[in-house]
Amino acid sequence: MSPLADAQVTAELAQTPGWKRAGKAIERTYRFPDFKAAMVFINWVAALAERANHHPDMTIRYNEVTVSVWTHSDGGLTTKDFALARGIDAL
């Protein structure tokens, strides 16, 4: 899969509310009532990522989880990243 051009990334971001470009990746921060809820979310994302065979970077700060996605093997953003982002949002 080849990386998307900037115009394609802009179009995909318009269809993926809450996500922003962060260098080679797209990212979003989710906030939860407490640490336990954040960990439940992390496990849901992990299960989704395993099924998709596409694994995001995740940072946990008590009740906040920042998810960062990009296709490392292709060196940039692909449609696979936006599909995963939308799947995470659907959780």
PDB file of N, CA and C in Angstrom:
ATOM      1  N   MET A   1       0.854  -1.164   0.000  1.00  0.00           N
ATOM      2  CA  MET A   1       0.000   0.000   0.000  1.00  0.00           C
ATOM      3  C   MET A   1       0.905   1.234   0.000  1.00  0.00           C
ATOM      4  N   SER A   2       0.580   2.213  -0.819  1.00  0.00           N
ATOM      5  CA  SER A   2       1.430   3.402  -0.864  1.00  0.00           C
ATOM      6  C   SER A   2       0.836   4.518  -0.011  1.00  0.00           C
ATOM      7  N   PRO A   3       1.701   5.367   0.540  1.00  0.00           N
ATOM      8  CA  PRO A   3       1.235   6.475   1.366  1.00  0.00           C
ATOM      9  C   PRO A   3       0.317   7.418   0.584  1.00  0.00           C
ATOM     10  N   LEU A   4      -0.615   8.011   1.300  1.00  0.00           N
ATOM     11  CA  LEU A   4      -1.539   8.964   0.691  1.00  0.00           C
ATOM     12  C   LEU A   4      -0.862  10.313   0.461  1.00  0.00           C
ATOM     13  N   ALA A   5      -1.287  11.003  -0.586  1.00  0.00           N
ATOM     14  CA  ALA A   5      -0.815  12.363  -0.845  1.00  0.00           C
ATOM     15  C   ALA A   5      -1.468  13.292   0.182  1.00  0.00           C
ATOM     16  N   ASP A   6      -0.895  14.467   0.366  1.00  0.00           N
ATOM     17  CA  ASP A   6      -1.417  15.422   1.349  1.00  0.00           C
ATOM     18  C   ASP A   6      -2.896  15.727   1.139  1.00  0.00           C
ATOM     19  N   ALA A   7      -3.318  15.904  -0.094  1.00  0.00           N
ATOM     20  CA  ALA A   7      -4.724  16.204  -0.380  1.00  0.00           C
ATOM     21  C   ALA A   7      -5.625  15.040   0.041  1.00  0.00           C
ATOM     22  N   GLN A   8      -5.151  13.818  -0.156  1.00  0.00           N
ATOM     23  CA  GLN A   8      -5.923  12.647   0.245  1.00  0.00           C
ATOM     24  C   GLN A   8      -6.016  12.551   1.771  1.00  0.00           C
ATOM     25  N   VAL A   9      -4.926  12.875   2.456  1.00  0.00           N
ATOM     26  CA  VAL A   9      -4.923  12.869   3.919  1.00  0.00           C
ATOM     27  C   VAL A   9      -5.920  13.901   4.436  1.00  0.00           C
ATOM     28  N   THR A  10      -5.924  15.085   3.846  1.00  0.00           N
ATOM     29  CA  THR A  10      -6.864  16.134   4.240  1.00  0.00           C
ATOM     30  C   THR A  10      -8.302  15.673   4.049  1.00  0.00           C
ATOM     31  N   ALA A  11      -8.578  15.023   2.938  1.00  0.00           N
ATOM     32  CA  ALA A  11      -9.926  14.517   2.665  1.00  0.00           C
ATOM     33  C   ALA A  11     -10.314  13.428   3.670  1.00  0.00           C
ATOM     34  N   GLU A  12      -9.394  12.531   3.981  1.00  0.00           N
ATOM     35  CA  GLU A  12      -9.673  11.463   4.951  1.00  0.00           C
ATOM     36  C   GLU A  12      -9.888  12.042   6.353  1.00  0.00           C
ATOM     37  N   LEU A  13      -9.094  13.044   6.730  1.00  0.00           N
ATOM     38  CA  LEU A  13      -9.268  13.670   8.042  1.00  0.00           C
ATOM     39  C   LEU A  13     -10.635  14.339   8.156  1.00  0.00           C
ATOM     40  N   ALA A  14     -11.121  14.905   7.067  1.00  0.00           N
ATOM     41  CA  ALA A  14     -12.440  15.544   7.072  1.00  0.00           C
ATOM     42  C   ALA A  14     -13.539  14.521   7.375  1.00  0.00           C
ATOM     43  N   GLN A  15     -13.274  13.261   7.077  1.00  0.00           N
ATOM     44  CA  GLN A  15     -14.237  12.190   7.315  1.00  0.00           C
ATOM     45  C   GLN A  15     -13.949  11.439   8.619  1.00  0.00           C
ATOM     46  N   THR A  16     -12.977  11.934   9.387  1.00  0.00           N
ATOM     47  CA  THR A  16     -12.560  11.265  10.618  1.00  0.00           C
ATOM     48  C   THR A  16     -12.474  12.318  11.728  1.00  0.00           C
ATOM     49  N   PRO A  17     -13.612  12.812  12.197  1.00  0.00           N
ATOM     50  CA  PRO A  17     -13.626  13.895  13.194  1.00  0.00           C
ATOM     51  C   PRO A  17     -12.869  13.536  14.473  1.00  0.00           C
ATOM     52  N   GLY A  18     -12.199  14.537  15.027  1.00  0.00           N
ATOM     53  CA  GLY A  18     -11.470  14.355  16.278  1.00  0.00           C
ATOM     54  C   GLY A  18     -10.025  13.950  16.102  1.00  0.00           C
ATOM     55  N   TRP A  19      -9.669  13.488  14.927  1.00  0.00           N
ATOM     56  CA  TRP A  19      -8.290  13.082  14.640  1.00  0.00           C
ATOM     57  C   TRP A  19      -7.564  14.242  13.997  1.00  0.00           C
ATOM     58  N   LYS A  20      -6.255  14.336  14.263  1.00  0.00           N
ATOM     59  CA  LYS A  20      -5.435  15.391  13.650  1.00  0.00           C
ATOM     60  C   LYS A  20      -4.132  14.778  13.159  1.00  0.00           C
ATOM     61  N   ARG A  21      -3.535  15.477  12.247  1.00  0.00           N
ATOM     62  CA  ARG A  21      -2.244  15.022  11.736  1.00  0.00           C
ATOM     63  C   ARG A  21      -1.160  15.386  12.730  1.00  0.00           C
ATOM     64  N   ALA A  22      -0.252  14.467  12.937  1.00  0.00           N
ATOM     65  CA  ALA A  22       0.872  14.679  13.843  1.00  0.00           C
ATOM     66  C   ALA A  22       2.117  14.091  13.188  1.00  0.00           C
ATOM     67  N   GLY A  23       2.771  14.889  12.350  1.00  0.00           N
ATOM     68  CA  GLY A  23       3.921  14.394  11.596  1.00  0.00           C
ATOM     69  C   GLY A  23       3.488  13.355  10.589  1.00  0.00           C
ATOM     70  N   LYS A  24       4.069  12.162  10.648  1.00  0.00           N
ATOM     71  CA  LYS A  24       3.716  11.076   9.726  1.00  0.00           C
ATOM     72  C   LYS A  24       2.446  10.345  10.145  1.00  0.00           C
ATOM     73  N   ALA A  25       1.921  10.675  11.317  1.00  0.00           N
ATOM     74  CA  ALA A  25       0.797   9.923  11.889  1.00  0.00           C
ATOM     75  C   ALA A  25      -0.460  10.781  11.988  1.00  0.00           C
ATOM     76  N   ILE A  26      -1.554  10.115  12.376  1.00  0.00           N
ATOM     77  CA  ILE A  26      -2.750  10.810  12.832  1.00  0.00           C
ATOM     78  C   ILE A  26      -2.939  10.395  14.283  1.00  0.00           C
ATOM     79  N   GLU A  27      -3.502  11.304  15.085  1.00  0.00           N
ATOM     80  CA  GLU A  27      -3.684  10.965  16.486  1.00  0.00           C
ATOM     81  C   GLU A  27      -4.936  11.597  17.060  1.00  0.00           C
ATOM     82  N   ARG A  28      -5.366  11.002  18.162  1.00  0.00           N
ATOM     83  CA  ARG A  28      -6.530  11.507  18.884  1.00  0.00           C
ATOM     84  C   ARG A  28      -6.367  11.152  20.358  1.00  0.00           C
ATOM     85  N   THR A  29      -6.801  12.058  21.221  1.00  0.00           N
ATOM     86  CA  THR A  29      -6.784  11.802  22.660  1.00  0.00           C
ATOM     87  C   THR A  29      -8.212  11.592  23.135  1.00  0.00           C
ATOM     88  N   TYR A  30      -8.400  10.503  23.862  1.00  0.00           N
ATOM     89  CA  TYR A  30      -9.691  10.151  24.445  1.00  0.00           C
ATOM     90  C   TYR A  30      -9.592  10.361  25.951  1.00  0.00           C
ATOM     91  N   ARG A  31     -10.652  10.901  26.556  1.00  0.00           N
ATOM     92  CA  ARG A  31     -10.685  11.112  28.005  1.00  0.00           C
ATOM     93  C   ARG A  31     -11.801  10.266  28.625  1.00  0.00           C
ATOM     94  N   PHE A  32     -11.489   9.698  29.788  1.00  0.00           N
ATOM     95  CA  PHE A  32     -12.403   8.794  30.476  1.00  0.00           C
ATOM     96  C   PHE A  32     -12.595   9.244  31.917  1.00  0.00           C
ATOM     97  N   PRO A  33     -13.619   8.710  32.592  1.00  0.00           N
ATOM     98  CA  PRO A  33     -13.870   9.133  33.967  1.00  0.00           C
ATOM     99  C   PRO A  33     -12.745   8.767  34.940  1.00  0.00           C
ATOM    100  N   ASP A  34     -12.028   7.670  34.640  1.00  0.00           N
ATOM    101  CA  ASP A  34     -10.978   7.227  35.557  1.00  0.00           C
ATOM    102  C   ASP A  34     -10.002   6.296  34.818  1.00  0.00           C
ATOM    103  N   PHE A  35      -8.984   5.864  35.544  1.00  0.00           N
ATOM    104  CA  PHE A  35      -7.951   5.001  34.990  1.00  0.00           C
ATOM    105  C   PHE A  35      -8.521   3.669  34.516  1.00  0.00           C
ATOM    106  N   LYS A  36      -9.417   3.099  35.304  1.00  0.00           N
ATOM    107  CA  LYS A  36      -9.985   1.796  34.955  1.00  0.00           C
ATOM    108  C   LYS A  36     -10.699   1.851  33.607  1.00  0.00           C
ATOM    109  N   ALA A  37     -11.486   2.889  33.373  1.00  0.00           N
ATOM    110  CA  ALA A  37     -12.192   3.034  32.097  1.00  0.00           C
ATOM    111  C   ALA A  37     -11.201   3.202  30.944  1.00  0.00           C
ATOM    112  N   ALA A  38     -10.119   3.917  31.188  1.00  0.00           N
ATOM    113  CA  ALA A  38      -9.083   4.088  30.160  1.00  0.00           C
ATOM    114  C   ALA A  38      -8.449   2.750  29.803  1.00  0.00           C
ATOM    115  N   MET A  39      -8.226   1.901  30.808  1.00  0.00           N
ATOM    116  CA  MET A  39      -7.622   0.592  30.555  1.00  0.00           C
ATOM    117  C   MET A  39      -8.575  -0.338  29.810  1.00  0.00           C
ATOM    118  N   VAL A  40      -9.856  -0.248  30.099  1.00  0.00           N
ATOM    119  CA  VAL A  40     -10.836  -1.037  29.344  1.00  0.00           C
ATOM    120  C   VAL A  40     -10.774  -0.643  27.869  1.00  0.00           C
ATOM    121  N   PHE A  41     -10.718   0.666  27.611  1.00  0.00           N
ATOM    122  CA  PHE A  41     -10.620   1.168  26.236  1.00  0.00           C
ATOM    123  C   PHE A  41      -9.351   0.648  25.557  1.00  0.00           C
ATOM    124  N   ILE A  42      -8.228   0.704  26.252  1.00  0.00           N
ATOM    125  CA  ILE A  42      -6.951   0.215  25.704  1.00  0.00           C
ATOM    126  C   ILE A  42      -7.094  -1.245  25.263  1.00  0.00           C
ATOM    127  N   ASN A  43      -7.737  -2.053  26.078  1.00  0.00           N
ATOM    128  CA  ASN A  43      -7.909  -3.468  25.736  1.00  0.00           C
ATOM    129  C   ASN A  43      -8.823  -3.654  24.535  1.00  0.00           C
ATOM    130  N   TRP A  44      -9.867  -2.831  24.417  1.00  0.00           N
ATOM    131  CA  TRP A  44     -10.723  -2.891  23.231  1.00  0.00           C
ATOM    132  C   TRP A  44      -9.940  -2.520  21.977  1.00  0.00           C
ATOM    133  N   VAL A  45      -9.121  -1.468  22.087  1.00  0.00           N
ATOM    134  CA  VAL A  45      -8.302  -1.052  20.940  1.00  0.00           C
ATOM    135  C   VAL A  45      -7.312  -2.160  20.582  1.00  0.00           C
ATOM    136  N   ALA A  46      -6.720  -2.780  21.581  1.00  0.00           N
ATOM    137  CA  ALA A  46      -5.765  -3.865  21.325  1.00  0.00           C
ATOM    138  C   ALA A  46      -6.426  -5.021  20.574  1.00  0.00           C
ATOM    139  N   ALA A  47      -7.633  -5.383  20.969  1.00  0.00           N
ATOM    140  CA  ALA A  47      -8.343  -6.468  20.284  1.00  0.00           C
ATOM    141  C   ALA A  47      -8.659  -6.092  18.837  1.00  0.00           C
ATOM    142  N   LEU A  48      -9.113  -4.869  18.634  1.00  0.00           N
ATOM    143  CA  LEU A  48      -9.398  -4.381  17.285  1.00  0.00           C
ATOM    144  C   LEU A  48      -8.127  -4.370  16.433  1.00  0.00           C
ATOM    145  N   ALA A  49      -7.034  -3.887  17.004  1.00  0.00           N
ATOM    146  CA  ALA A  49      -5.760  -3.816  16.281  1.00  0.00           C
ATOM    147  C   ALA A  49      -5.263  -5.211  15.899  1.00  0.00           C
ATOM    148  N   GLU A  50      -5.424  -6.166  16.786  1.00  0.00           N
ATOM    149  CA  GLU A  50      -5.018  -7.538  16.481  1.00  0.00           C
ATOM    150  C   GLU A  50      -5.813  -8.093  15.308  1.00  0.00           C
ATOM    151  N   ARG A  51      -7.136  -7.876  15.326  1.00  0.00           N
ATOM    152  CA  ARG A  51      -7.973  -8.371  14.220  1.00  0.00           C
ATOM    153  C   ARG A  51      -7.565  -7.710  12.897  1.00  0.00           C
ATOM    154  N   ALA A  52      -7.207  -6.439  12.952  1.00  0.00           N
ATOM    155  CA  ALA A  52      -6.833  -5.704  11.739  1.00  0.00           C
ATOM    156  C   ALA A  52      -5.365  -5.929  11.367  1.00  0.00           C
ATOM    157  N   ASN A  53      -4.601  -6.544  12.273  1.00  0.00           N
ATOM    158  CA  ASN A  53      -3.154  -6.694  12.097  1.00  0.00           C
ATOM    159  C   ASN A  53      -2.508  -5.334  11.783  1.00  0.00           C
ATOM    160  N   HIS A  54      -2.941  -4.342  12.561  1.00  0.00           N
ATOM    161  CA  HIS A  54      -2.441  -2.965  12.393  1.00  0.00           C
ATOM    162  C   HIS A  54      -2.430  -2.336  13.785  1.00  0.00           C
ATOM    163  N   HIS A  55      -1.255  -2.069  14.309  1.00  0.00           N
ATOM    164  CA  HIS A  55      -1.101  -1.763  15.729  1.00  0.00           C
ATOM    165  C   HIS A  55      -0.693  -0.304  15.962  1.00  0.00           C
ATOM    166  N   PRO A  56      -1.543   0.449  16.654  1.00  0.00           N
ATOM    167  CA  PRO A  56      -1.249   1.850  16.934  1.00  0.00           C
ATOM    168  C   PRO A  56      -0.304   1.995  18.129  1.00  0.00           C
ATOM    169  N   ASP A  57       0.287   3.176  18.231  1.00  0.00           N
ATOM    170  CA  ASP A  57       1.018   3.549  19.438  1.00  0.00           C
ATOM    171  C   ASP A  57      -0.016   4.165  20.377  1.00  0.00           C
ATOM    172  N   MET A  58       0.068   3.831  21.668  1.00  0.00           N
ATOM    173  CA  MET A  58      -0.881   4.373  22.633  1.00  0.00           C
ATOM    174  C   MET A  58      -0.129   4.854  23.864  1.00  0.00           C
ATOM    175  N   THR A  59      -0.520   6.032  24.336  1.00  0.00           N
ATOM    176  CA  THR A  59       0.058   6.613  25.539  1.00  0.00           C
ATOM    177  C   THR A  59      -1.053   6.783  26.557  1.00  0.00           C
ATOM    178  N   ILE A  60      -0.805   6.326  27.773  1.00  0.00           N
ATOM    179  CA  ILE A  60      -1.807   6.400  28.836  1.00  0.00           C
ATOM    180  C   ILE A  60      -1.328   7.408  29.881  1.00  0.00           C
ATOM    181  N   ARG A  61      -2.205   8.324  30.246  1.00  0.00           N
ATOM    182  CA  ARG A  61      -1.957   9.263  31.339  1.00  0.00           C
ATOM    183  C   ARG A  61      -3.204   9.289  32.209  1.00  0.00           C
ATOM    184  N   TYR A  62      -3.211   8.454  33.214  1.00  0.00           N
ATOM    185  CA  TYR A  62      -4.327   8.257  34.137  1.00  0.00           C
ATOM    186  C   TYR A  62      -5.633   8.010  33.392  1.00  0.00           C
ATOM    187  N   ASN A  63      -6.406   9.068  33.091  1.00  0.00           N
ATOM    188  CA  ASN A  63      -7.703   8.867  32.431  1.00  0.00           C
ATOM    189  C   ASN A  63      -7.695   9.328  30.977  1.00  0.00           C
ATOM    190  N   GLU A  64      -6.524   9.564  30.421  1.00  0.00           N
ATOM    191  CA  GLU A  64      -6.397   9.982  29.016  1.00  0.00           C
ATOM    192  C   GLU A  64      -5.582   8.962  28.241  1.00  0.00           C
ATOM    193  N   VAL A  65      -6.073   8.648  27.058  1.00  0.00           N
ATOM    194  CA  VAL A  65      -5.355   7.737  26.165  1.00  0.00           C
ATOM    195  C   VAL A  65      -5.176   8.450  24.829  1.00  0.00           C
ATOM    196  N   THR A  66      -3.928   8.606  24.400  1.00  0.00           N
ATOM    197  CA  THR A  66      -3.648   9.166  23.083  1.00  0.00           C
ATOM    198  C   THR A  66      -3.265   8.020  22.163  1.00  0.00           C
ATOM    199  N   VAL A  67      -3.975   7.942  21.048  1.00  0.00           N
ATOM    200  CA  VAL A  67      -3.743   6.896  20.054  1.00  0.00           C
ATOM    201  C   VAL A  67      -3.106   7.544  18.837  1.00  0.00           C
ATOM    202  N   SER A  68      -2.026   6.968  18.363  1.00  0.00           N
ATOM    203  CA  SER A  68      -1.307   7.468  17.195  1.00  0.00           C
ATOM    204  C   SER A  68      -1.181   6.331  16.181  1.00  0.00           C
ATOM    205  N   VAL A  69      -1.567   6.614  14.944  1.00  0.00           N
ATOM    206  CA  VAL A  69      -1.604   5.575  13.909  1.00  0.00           C
ATOM    207  C   VAL A  69      -0.866   6.049  12.660  1.00  0.00           C
ATOM    208  N   TRP A  70      -0.041   5.182  12.125  1.00  0.00           N
ATOM    209  CA  TRP A  70       0.528   5.353  10.786  1.00  0.00           C
ATOM    210  C   TRP A  70       1.089   4.017  10.347  1.00  0.00           C
ATOM    211  N   THR A  71       1.188   3.846   9.059  1.00  0.00           N
ATOM    212  CA  THR A  71       1.647   2.566   8.519  1.00  0.00           C
ATOM    213  C   THR A  71       3.172   2.595   8.406  1.00  0.00           C
ATOM    214  N   HIS A  72       3.820   2.060   9.432  1.00  0.00           N
ATOM    215  CA  HIS A  72       5.283   2.071   9.498  1.00  0.00           C
ATOM    216  C   HIS A  72       5.911   1.419   8.271  1.00  0.00           C
ATOM    217  N   SER A  73       5.358   0.289   7.856  1.00  0.00           N
ATOM    218  CA  SER A  73       5.954  -0.457   6.738  1.00  0.00           C
ATOM    219  C   SER A  73       5.865   0.300   5.413  1.00  0.00           C
ATOM    220  N   ASP A  74       4.922   1.226   5.301  1.00  0.00           N
ATOM    221  CA  ASP A  74       4.778   2.008   4.074  1.00  0.00           C
ATOM    222  C   ASP A  74       5.315   3.429   4.212  1.00  0.00           C
ATOM    223  N   GLY A  75       5.791   3.781   5.403  1.00  0.00           N
ATOM    224  CA  GLY A  75       6.443   5.070   5.603  1.00  0.00           C
ATOM    225  C   GLY A  75       5.513   6.270   5.618  1.00  0.00           C
ATOM    226  N   GLY A  76       4.252   6.071   5.948  1.00  0.00           N
ATOM    227  CA  GLY A  76       3.335   7.207   5.995  1.00  0.00           C
ATOM    228  C   GLY A  76       1.908   6.758   6.218  1.00  0.00           C
ATOM    229  N   LEU A  77       1.000   7.672   5.980  1.00  0.00           N
ATOM    230  CA  LEU A  77      -0.417   7.393   6.179  1.00  0.00           C
ATOM    231  C   LEU A  77      -1.024   6.698   4.973  1.00  0.00           C
ATOM    232  N   THR A  78      -1.828   5.684   5.251  1.00  0.00           N
ATOM    233  CA  THR A  78      -2.524   4.946   4.198  1.00  0.00           C
ATOM    234  C   THR A  78      -4.006   4.866   4.570  1.00  0.00           C
ATOM    235  N   THR A  79      -4.796   4.332   3.670  1.00  0.00           N
ATOM    236  CA  THR A  79      -6.220   4.164   3.960  1.00  0.00           C
ATOM    237  C   THR A  79      -6.427   3.219   5.145  1.00  0.00           C
ATOM    238  N   LYS A  80      -5.479   2.328   5.365  1.00  0.00           N
ATOM    239  CA  LYS A  80      -5.540   1.392   6.488  1.00  0.00           C
ATOM    240  C   LYS A  80      -5.570   2.151   7.827  1.00  0.00           C
ATOM    241  N   ASP A  81      -4.829   3.253   7.902  1.00  0.00           N
ATOM    242  CA  ASP A  81      -4.781   4.049   9.133  1.00  0.00           C
ATOM    243  C   ASP A  81      -6.131   4.695   9.427  1.00  0.00           C
ATOM    244  N   PHE A  82      -6.749   5.228   8.406  1.00  0.00           N
ATOM    245  CA  PHE A  82      -8.039   5.880   8.603  1.00  0.00           C
ATOM    246  C   PHE A  82      -9.135   4.867   8.910  1.00  0.00           C
ATOM    247  N   ALA A  83      -9.047   3.692   8.324  1.00  0.00           N
ATOM    248  CA  ALA A  83     -10.001   2.629   8.645  1.00  0.00           C
ATOM    249  C   ALA A  83      -9.877   2.231  10.121  1.00  0.00           C
ATOM    250  N   LEU A  84      -8.644   2.101  10.602  1.00  0.00           N
ATOM    251  CA  LEU A  84      -8.441   1.756  12.009  1.00  0.00           C
ATOM    252  C   LEU A  84      -8.931   2.884  12.913  1.00  0.00           C
ATOM    253  N   ALA A  85      -8.641   4.123  12.563  1.00  0.00           N
ATOM    254  CA  ALA A  85      -9.091   5.269  13.362  1.00  0.00           C
ATOM    255  C   ALA A  85     -10.612   5.275  13.483  1.00  0.00           C
ATOM    256  N   ARG A  86     -11.292   5.026  12.398  1.00  0.00           N
ATOM    257  CA  ARG A  86     -12.763   5.001  12.427  1.00  0.00           C
ATOM    258  C   ARG A  86     -13.283   3.811  13.231  1.00  0.00           C
ATOM    259  N   GLY A  87     -12.572   2.702  13.152  1.00  0.00           N
ATOM    260  CA  GLY A  87     -12.949   1.552  13.954  1.00  0.00           C
ATOM    261  C   GLY A  87     -12.777   1.829  15.442  1.00  0.00           C
ATOM    262  N   ILE A  88     -11.704   2.532  15.807  1.00  0.00           N
ATOM    263  CA  ILE A  88     -11.483   2.898  17.202  1.00  0.00           C
ATOM    264  C   ILE A  88     -12.597   3.838  17.661  1.00  0.00           C
ATOM    265  N   ASP A  89     -12.947   4.797  16.850  1.00  0.00           N
ATOM    266  CA  ASP A  89     -14.035   5.714  17.203  1.00  0.00           C
ATOM    267  C   ASP A  89     -15.348   4.971  17.418  1.00  0.00           C
ATOM    268  N   ALA A  90     -15.565   3.901  16.683  1.00  0.00           N
ATOM    269  CA  ALA A  90     -16.802   3.144  16.790  1.00  0.00           C
ATOM    270  C   ALA A  90     -16.891   2.358  18.098  1.00  0.00           C
ATOM    271  N   LEU A  91     -15.737   2.169  18.769  1.00  0.00           N
ATOM    272  CA  LEU A  91     -15.751   1.457  20.048  1.00  0.00           C
ATOM    273  C   LEU A  91     -16.532   2.249  21.055  1.00  0.00           C
TER     274      LEU A  91
END
